[in-house]
Amino acid sequence: MKNVFVRIALGAAVGLTFGTSLSAGEKMDERPAASVDADNSGVNAHGGLDAGDQSSDPGDVEVTREIRQRIMDQDELSMNAKNIKIITIDRVVTLRGPVDDAEERIALANIAQSVRNVKRVDNQLEIDAD
């Protein structure tokens, strides 16, 4: 229940921040789609884990936090690399999203694997063709 409340509150905050609102009786899925999708929105539409699947187990949350911190500390990584999705469930880490090249893909998997208590890394990162 707490997780649902946080998502609702976060959604409301994002809507207020970007000036979006729903008219009376309008449902979220009835709103017009944004004219520009996020880089990896097509990947999300085809299934697989996303941020909403992140475990709320304190150990899993800590693993995800530590991986994100280590990634953000790497100045040589691209903005794509710093914006990947990191989902941890039962100490198994899934990495998703676009990266600039094979070296980044490998580097991010190595960072994730180096964090204490990680059992396995499922590297689903894709090299951005743009």
N, C-alpha and C. Protein backbone atom coordinates (compact mmCIF):
# COMPACT_ATOMS: atom_id res chain seq x y z
N MET A 1 0.82 -1.19 0.00
CA MET A 1 0.00 0.00 0.00
C MET A 1 0.86 1.25 0.00
N LYS A 2 1.93 1.23 0.78
CA LYS A 2 2.83 2.37 0.84
C LYS A 2 3.42 2.66 -0.53
N ASN A 3 3.80 1.60 -1.25
CA ASN A 3 4.37 1.74 -2.59
C ASN A 3 3.39 2.41 -3.55
N VAL A 4 2.11 2.04 -3.46
CA VAL A 4 1.08 2.64 -4.31
C VAL A 4 0.94 4.12 -4.00
N PHE A 5 0.93 4.47 -2.72
CA PHE A 5 0.82 5.87 -2.32
C PHE A 5 1.99 6.68 -2.85
N VAL A 6 3.19 6.13 -2.76
CA VAL A 6 4.38 6.83 -3.25
C VAL A 6 4.27 7.06 -4.75
N ARG A 7 3.82 6.06 -5.50
CA ARG A 7 3.67 6.21 -6.95
C ARG A 7 2.63 7.28 -7.28
N ILE A 8 1.52 7.29 -6.55
CA ILE A 8 0.48 8.29 -6.80
C ILE A 8 1.01 9.67 -6.48
N ALA A 9 1.69 9.80 -5.35
CA ALA A 9 2.24 11.10 -4.96
C ALA A 9 3.29 11.56 -5.96
N LEU A 10 4.14 10.64 -6.40
CA LEU A 10 5.17 10.99 -7.37
C LEU A 10 4.53 11.40 -8.69
N GLY A 11 3.52 10.66 -9.13
CA GLY A 11 2.82 11.00 -10.36
C GLY A 11 2.18 12.37 -10.28
N ALA A 12 1.59 12.69 -9.14
CA ALA A 12 0.98 14.00 -8.96
C ALA A 12 2.05 15.09 -8.98
N ALA A 13 3.19 14.82 -8.34
CA ALA A 13 4.26 15.82 -8.32
C ALA A 13 4.81 16.05 -9.72
N VAL A 14 4.97 14.99 -10.49
CA VAL A 14 5.46 15.13 -11.87
C VAL A 14 4.47 15.92 -12.68
N GLY A 15 3.18 15.62 -12.53
CA GLY A 15 2.16 16.36 -13.25
C GLY A 15 2.17 17.83 -12.92
N LEU A 16 2.35 18.16 -11.64
CA LEU A 16 2.40 19.55 -11.24
C LEU A 16 3.66 20.23 -11.76
N THR A 17 4.77 19.50 -11.73
CA THR A 17 6.04 20.07 -12.17
C THR A 17 6.01 20.42 -13.64
N PHE A 18 5.41 19.55 -14.46
CA PHE A 18 5.41 19.76 -15.90
C PHE A 18 4.10 20.37 -16.40
N GLY A 19 3.24 20.79 -15.50
CA GLY A 19 2.03 21.49 -15.87
C GLY A 19 0.98 20.62 -16.54
N THR A 20 1.03 19.32 -16.33
CA THR A 20 0.01 18.46 -16.91
C THR A 20 -1.11 18.27 -15.91
N SER A 21 -2.29 18.12 -16.42
CA SER A 21 -3.42 17.88 -15.54
C SER A 21 -4.47 17.10 -16.30
N LEU A 22 -5.37 16.49 -15.57
CA LEU A 22 -6.47 15.77 -16.16
C LEU A 22 -7.74 16.57 -15.93
N SER A 23 -8.59 16.63 -16.94
CA SER A 23 -9.87 17.30 -16.74
C SER A 23 -10.80 16.37 -15.99
N ALA A 24 -11.89 16.91 -15.48
CA ALA A 24 -12.84 16.11 -14.69
C ALA A 24 -13.31 14.92 -15.51
N GLY A 25 -13.22 13.74 -14.93
CA GLY A 25 -13.69 12.53 -15.57
C GLY A 25 -12.71 11.92 -16.57
N GLU A 26 -11.63 12.59 -16.87
CA GLU A 26 -10.66 12.08 -17.84
C GLU A 26 -9.75 11.08 -17.15
N LYS A 27 -9.54 9.96 -17.79
CA LYS A 27 -8.65 8.95 -17.25
C LYS A 27 -7.26 9.15 -17.82
N MET A 28 -6.24 8.61 -17.11
CA MET A 28 -4.86 8.79 -17.51
C MET A 28 -4.62 8.31 -18.94
N ASP A 29 -5.19 7.15 -19.33
CA ASP A 29 -4.92 6.63 -20.65
C ASP A 29 -5.70 7.32 -21.76
N GLU A 30 -6.58 8.26 -21.42
CA GLU A 30 -7.33 8.99 -22.42
C GLU A 30 -6.64 10.29 -22.83
N ARG A 31 -5.60 10.64 -22.15
CA ARG A 31 -4.88 11.86 -22.49
C ARG A 31 -4.11 11.67 -23.78
N PRO A 32 -3.92 12.71 -24.55
CA PRO A 32 -3.13 12.57 -25.78
C PRO A 32 -1.70 12.16 -25.47
N ALA A 33 -1.14 11.33 -26.31
CA ALA A 33 0.24 10.89 -26.11
C ALA A 33 1.18 12.05 -26.36
N ALA A 34 2.30 12.04 -25.65
CA ALA A 34 3.33 13.07 -25.86
C ALA A 34 3.86 12.95 -27.28
N SER A 35 4.27 14.04 -27.85
CA SER A 35 4.73 14.03 -29.24
C SER A 35 6.10 13.35 -29.40
N VAL A 36 6.87 13.28 -28.33
CA VAL A 36 8.19 12.66 -28.39
C VAL A 36 8.28 11.62 -27.28
N ASP A 37 8.55 10.37 -27.67
CA ASP A 37 8.70 9.31 -26.67
C ASP A 37 10.11 9.32 -26.11
N ALA A 38 10.26 8.76 -24.91
CA ALA A 38 11.60 8.58 -24.34
C ALA A 38 12.37 7.62 -25.24
N ASP A 39 13.68 7.69 -25.21
CA ASP A 39 14.52 6.87 -26.09
C ASP A 39 14.17 5.39 -26.06
N ASN A 40 13.85 4.87 -24.90
CA ASN A 40 13.63 3.43 -24.80
C ASN A 40 12.19 3.08 -24.48
N SER A 41 11.25 3.95 -24.81
CA SER A 41 9.86 3.65 -24.51
C SER A 41 9.36 2.46 -25.31
N GLY A 42 9.88 2.25 -26.51
CA GLY A 42 9.50 1.08 -27.30
C GLY A 42 9.91 -0.21 -26.62
N VAL A 43 11.04 -0.21 -25.96
CA VAL A 43 11.50 -1.39 -25.23
C VAL A 43 10.53 -1.70 -24.10
N ASN A 44 10.11 -0.68 -23.37
CA ASN A 44 9.21 -0.88 -22.25
C ASN A 44 7.86 -1.41 -22.70
N ALA A 45 7.39 -1.00 -23.87
CA ALA A 45 6.09 -1.41 -24.37
C ALA A 45 6.05 -2.90 -24.68
N HIS A 46 7.19 -3.52 -24.87
CA HIS A 46 7.24 -4.92 -25.25
C HIS A 46 7.42 -5.84 -24.06
N GLY A 47 7.19 -5.39 -22.89
CA GLY A 47 7.29 -6.23 -21.72
C GLY A 47 8.65 -6.15 -21.06
N GLY A 48 8.88 -7.01 -20.10
CA GLY A 48 10.13 -6.99 -19.37
C GLY A 48 9.98 -6.18 -18.10
N LEU A 49 10.99 -6.21 -17.30
CA LEU A 49 10.97 -5.49 -16.03
C LEU A 49 11.12 -3.99 -16.26
N ASP A 50 10.50 -3.22 -15.37
CA ASP A 50 10.73 -1.78 -15.37
C ASP A 50 10.84 -1.32 -13.92
N ALA A 51 11.02 -0.05 -13.72
CA ALA A 51 11.27 0.48 -12.38
C ALA A 51 10.17 0.11 -11.39
N GLY A 52 8.95 -0.05 -11.86
CA GLY A 52 7.84 -0.42 -10.97
C GLY A 52 7.98 -1.82 -10.40
N ASP A 53 8.84 -2.63 -10.99
CA ASP A 53 9.05 -3.99 -10.51
C ASP A 53 10.13 -4.08 -9.44
N GLN A 54 10.82 -2.98 -9.17
CA GLN A 54 11.88 -2.95 -8.15
C GLN A 54 11.34 -3.46 -6.83
N SER A 55 12.05 -4.37 -6.22
CA SER A 55 11.68 -4.90 -4.91
C SER A 55 11.78 -3.81 -3.85
N SER A 56 10.90 -3.86 -2.88
CA SER A 56 10.96 -2.91 -1.76
C SER A 56 11.77 -3.46 -0.58
N ASP A 57 12.31 -4.66 -0.76
CA ASP A 57 13.18 -5.24 0.27
C ASP A 57 14.35 -4.29 0.50
N PRO A 58 14.65 -3.94 1.76
CA PRO A 58 15.73 -2.98 2.03
C PRO A 58 17.07 -3.38 1.42
N GLY A 59 17.39 -4.66 1.39
CA GLY A 59 18.65 -5.10 0.79
C GLY A 59 18.67 -4.87 -0.71
N ASP A 60 17.55 -5.13 -1.39
CA ASP A 60 17.46 -4.90 -2.82
C ASP A 60 17.53 -3.41 -3.14
N VAL A 61 16.85 -2.61 -2.34
CA VAL A 61 16.89 -1.16 -2.53
C VAL A 61 18.32 -0.64 -2.36
N GLU A 62 19.03 -1.16 -1.38
CA GLU A 62 20.42 -0.74 -1.14
C GLU A 62 21.32 -1.15 -2.30
N VAL A 63 21.13 -2.34 -2.86
CA VAL A 63 21.92 -2.77 -4.01
C VAL A 63 21.69 -1.81 -5.17
N THR A 64 20.44 -1.50 -5.47
CA THR A 64 20.12 -0.58 -6.56
C THR A 64 20.72 0.80 -6.31
N ARG A 65 20.60 1.28 -5.09
CA ARG A 65 21.16 2.60 -4.75
C ARG A 65 22.67 2.63 -4.93
N GLU A 66 23.34 1.58 -4.48
CA GLU A 66 24.80 1.52 -4.59
C GLU A 66 25.24 1.47 -6.06
N ILE A 67 24.55 0.67 -6.87
CA ILE A 67 24.90 0.61 -8.30
C ILE A 67 24.71 1.98 -8.94
N ARG A 68 23.57 2.62 -8.67
CA ARG A 68 23.31 3.94 -9.26
C ARG A 68 24.39 4.94 -8.84
N GLN A 69 24.77 4.93 -7.57
CA GLN A 69 25.79 5.85 -7.09
C GLN A 69 27.12 5.62 -7.79
N ARG A 70 27.51 4.36 -7.93
CA ARG A 70 28.77 4.05 -8.60
C ARG A 70 28.75 4.48 -10.07
N ILE A 71 27.62 4.30 -10.72
CA ILE A 71 27.49 4.73 -12.11
C ILE A 71 27.60 6.24 -12.20
N MET A 72 26.90 6.96 -11.34
CA MET A 72 26.91 8.42 -11.38
C MET A 72 28.30 8.98 -11.08
N ASP A 73 29.11 8.24 -10.35
CA ASP A 73 30.47 8.69 -10.02
C ASP A 73 31.45 8.54 -11.18
N GLN A 74 31.03 7.86 -12.25
CA GLN A 74 31.90 7.62 -13.41
C GLN A 74 31.71 8.73 -14.44
N ASP A 75 32.59 9.72 -14.43
CA ASP A 75 32.47 10.86 -15.34
C ASP A 75 32.56 10.47 -16.81
N GLU A 76 33.25 9.38 -17.12
CA GLU A 76 33.44 9.00 -18.52
C GLU A 76 32.21 8.34 -19.15
N LEU A 77 31.21 7.98 -18.35
CA LEU A 77 30.01 7.36 -18.90
C LEU A 77 29.10 8.40 -19.53
N SER A 78 28.42 8.00 -20.58
CA SER A 78 27.49 8.88 -21.29
C SER A 78 26.23 9.12 -20.45
N MET A 79 25.43 10.10 -20.87
CA MET A 79 24.17 10.36 -20.20
C MET A 79 23.23 9.16 -20.37
N ASN A 80 23.27 8.50 -21.53
CA ASN A 80 22.48 7.28 -21.72
C ASN A 80 22.83 6.26 -20.64
N ALA A 81 24.11 6.05 -20.43
CA ALA A 81 24.56 5.06 -19.45
C ALA A 81 24.10 5.43 -18.04
N LYS A 82 24.12 6.70 -17.73
CA LYS A 82 23.74 7.14 -16.39
C LYS A 82 22.23 7.07 -16.17
N ASN A 83 21.47 6.93 -17.26
CA ASN A 83 20.01 6.89 -17.15
C ASN A 83 19.41 5.50 -17.34
N ILE A 84 20.22 4.46 -17.29
CA ILE A 84 19.68 3.12 -17.47
C ILE A 84 18.75 2.76 -16.31
N LYS A 85 17.91 1.78 -16.55
CA LYS A 85 17.05 1.26 -15.50
C LYS A 85 17.82 0.18 -14.75
N ILE A 86 17.73 0.23 -13.44
CA ILE A 86 18.37 -0.75 -12.57
C ILE A 86 17.26 -1.33 -11.70
N ILE A 87 16.96 -2.61 -11.86
CA ILE A 87 15.89 -3.26 -11.11
C ILE A 87 16.50 -4.43 -10.35
N THR A 88 16.32 -4.44 -9.04
CA THR A 88 16.88 -5.53 -8.22
C THR A 88 15.74 -6.27 -7.54
N ILE A 89 15.71 -7.57 -7.74
CA ILE A 89 14.72 -8.45 -7.11
C ILE A 89 15.46 -9.67 -6.58
N ASP A 90 15.40 -9.89 -5.29
CA ASP A 90 16.09 -11.02 -4.65
C ASP A 90 17.58 -11.04 -4.99
N ARG A 91 18.20 -9.86 -5.01
CA ARG A 91 19.62 -9.64 -5.25
C ARG A 91 20.05 -9.97 -6.68
N VAL A 92 19.08 -10.17 -7.57
CA VAL A 92 19.37 -10.33 -9.00
C VAL A 92 19.09 -8.98 -9.65
N VAL A 93 20.10 -8.43 -10.32
CA VAL A 93 20.02 -7.10 -10.90
C VAL A 93 19.76 -7.20 -12.40
N THR A 94 18.75 -6.47 -12.86
CA THR A 94 18.46 -6.37 -14.28
C THR A 94 18.81 -4.95 -14.72
N LEU A 95 19.60 -4.85 -15.78
CA LEU A 95 19.97 -3.56 -16.36
C LEU A 95 19.26 -3.44 -17.69
N ARG A 96 18.54 -2.32 -17.91
CA ARG A 96 17.80 -2.11 -19.15
C ARG A 96 18.00 -0.70 -19.65
N GLY A 97 17.96 -0.55 -20.97
CA GLY A 97 18.01 0.76 -21.58
C GLY A 97 19.12 0.86 -22.61
N PRO A 98 19.18 2.01 -23.29
CA PRO A 98 20.20 2.20 -24.31
C PRO A 98 21.52 2.71 -23.73
N VAL A 99 22.61 2.27 -24.31
CA VAL A 99 23.95 2.79 -23.99
C VAL A 99 24.64 3.13 -25.31
N ASP A 100 25.72 3.88 -25.24
CA ASP A 100 26.37 4.38 -26.44
C ASP A 100 27.19 3.33 -27.20
N ASP A 101 27.79 2.38 -26.47
CA ASP A 101 28.64 1.40 -27.17
C ASP A 101 28.83 0.15 -26.30
N ALA A 102 29.50 -0.83 -26.89
CA ALA A 102 29.72 -2.11 -26.20
C ALA A 102 30.55 -1.94 -24.94
N GLU A 103 31.50 -1.00 -24.96
CA GLU A 103 32.34 -0.79 -23.78
C GLU A 103 31.50 -0.33 -22.58
N GLU A 104 30.55 0.58 -22.84
CA GLU A 104 29.68 1.02 -21.74
C GLU A 104 28.81 -0.13 -21.24
N ARG A 105 28.31 -0.92 -22.16
CA ARG A 105 27.46 -2.07 -21.78
C ARG A 105 28.22 -2.99 -20.82
N ILE A 106 29.46 -3.28 -21.16
CA ILE A 106 30.30 -4.15 -20.32
C ILE A 106 30.64 -3.46 -19.00
N ALA A 107 31.01 -2.18 -19.06
CA ALA A 107 31.39 -1.44 -17.86
C ALA A 107 30.23 -1.39 -16.86
N LEU A 108 29.02 -1.16 -17.34
CA LEU A 108 27.86 -1.08 -16.44
C LEU A 108 27.57 -2.44 -15.79
N ALA A 109 27.69 -3.50 -16.55
CA ALA A 109 27.49 -4.84 -15.98
C ALA A 109 28.55 -5.14 -14.93
N ASN A 110 29.78 -4.72 -15.20
CA ASN A 110 30.87 -4.94 -14.23
C ASN A 110 30.63 -4.14 -12.95
N ILE A 111 30.15 -2.92 -13.09
CA ILE A 111 29.84 -2.11 -11.90
C ILE A 111 28.77 -2.82 -11.08
N ALA A 112 27.71 -3.26 -11.72
CA ALA A 112 26.63 -3.93 -11.00
C ALA A 112 27.12 -5.19 -10.31
N GLN A 113 27.93 -5.98 -11.00
CA GLN A 113 28.41 -7.23 -10.43
C GLN A 113 29.36 -6.99 -9.25
N SER A 114 30.00 -5.85 -9.22
CA SER A 114 30.97 -5.56 -8.16
C SER A 114 30.33 -5.17 -6.83
N VAL A 115 29.04 -4.90 -6.83
CA VAL A 115 28.36 -4.48 -5.60
C VAL A 115 28.11 -5.69 -4.71
N ARG A 116 28.39 -5.51 -3.44
CA ARG A 116 28.23 -6.59 -2.46
C ARG A 116 26.80 -7.12 -2.45
N ASN A 117 26.64 -8.41 -2.32
CA ASN A 117 25.37 -9.12 -2.22
C ASN A 117 24.65 -9.33 -3.55
N VAL A 118 25.23 -8.91 -4.67
CA VAL A 118 24.60 -9.16 -5.97
C VAL A 118 24.84 -10.62 -6.34
N LYS A 119 23.74 -11.35 -6.59
CA LYS A 119 23.87 -12.76 -6.97
C LYS A 119 24.19 -12.91 -8.46
N ARG A 120 23.50 -12.09 -9.28
CA ARG A 120 23.64 -12.23 -10.72
C ARG A 120 23.21 -10.93 -11.38
N VAL A 121 23.76 -10.65 -12.56
CA VAL A 121 23.37 -9.48 -13.34
C VAL A 121 22.78 -9.95 -14.66
N ASP A 122 21.57 -9.52 -14.94
CA ASP A 122 20.90 -9.79 -16.22
C ASP A 122 21.08 -8.54 -17.07
N ASN A 123 22.05 -8.57 -17.97
CA ASN A 123 22.41 -7.41 -18.77
C ASN A 123 21.54 -7.34 -20.03
N GLN A 124 20.50 -6.51 -19.98
CA GLN A 124 19.60 -6.33 -21.12
C GLN A 124 19.87 -4.98 -21.81
N LEU A 125 21.01 -4.39 -21.54
CA LEU A 125 21.34 -3.10 -22.15
C LEU A 125 21.50 -3.26 -23.65
N GLU A 126 21.04 -2.24 -24.38
CA GLU A 126 21.11 -2.26 -25.84
C GLU A 126 21.97 -1.09 -26.32
N ILE A 127 22.77 -1.36 -27.32
CA ILE A 127 23.61 -0.32 -27.88
C ILE A 127 22.76 0.57 -28.78
N ASP A 128 22.77 1.87 -28.48
CA ASP A 128 21.98 2.86 -29.20
C ASP A 128 22.56 3.05 -30.60
N ALA A 129 21.73 2.84 -31.62
CA ALA A 129 22.20 2.94 -33.01
C ALA A 129 22.30 4.36 -33.51
N ASP A 130 21.80 5.33 -32.76
CA ASP A 130 21.82 6.75 -33.23
C ASP A 130 23.17 7.35 -33.16
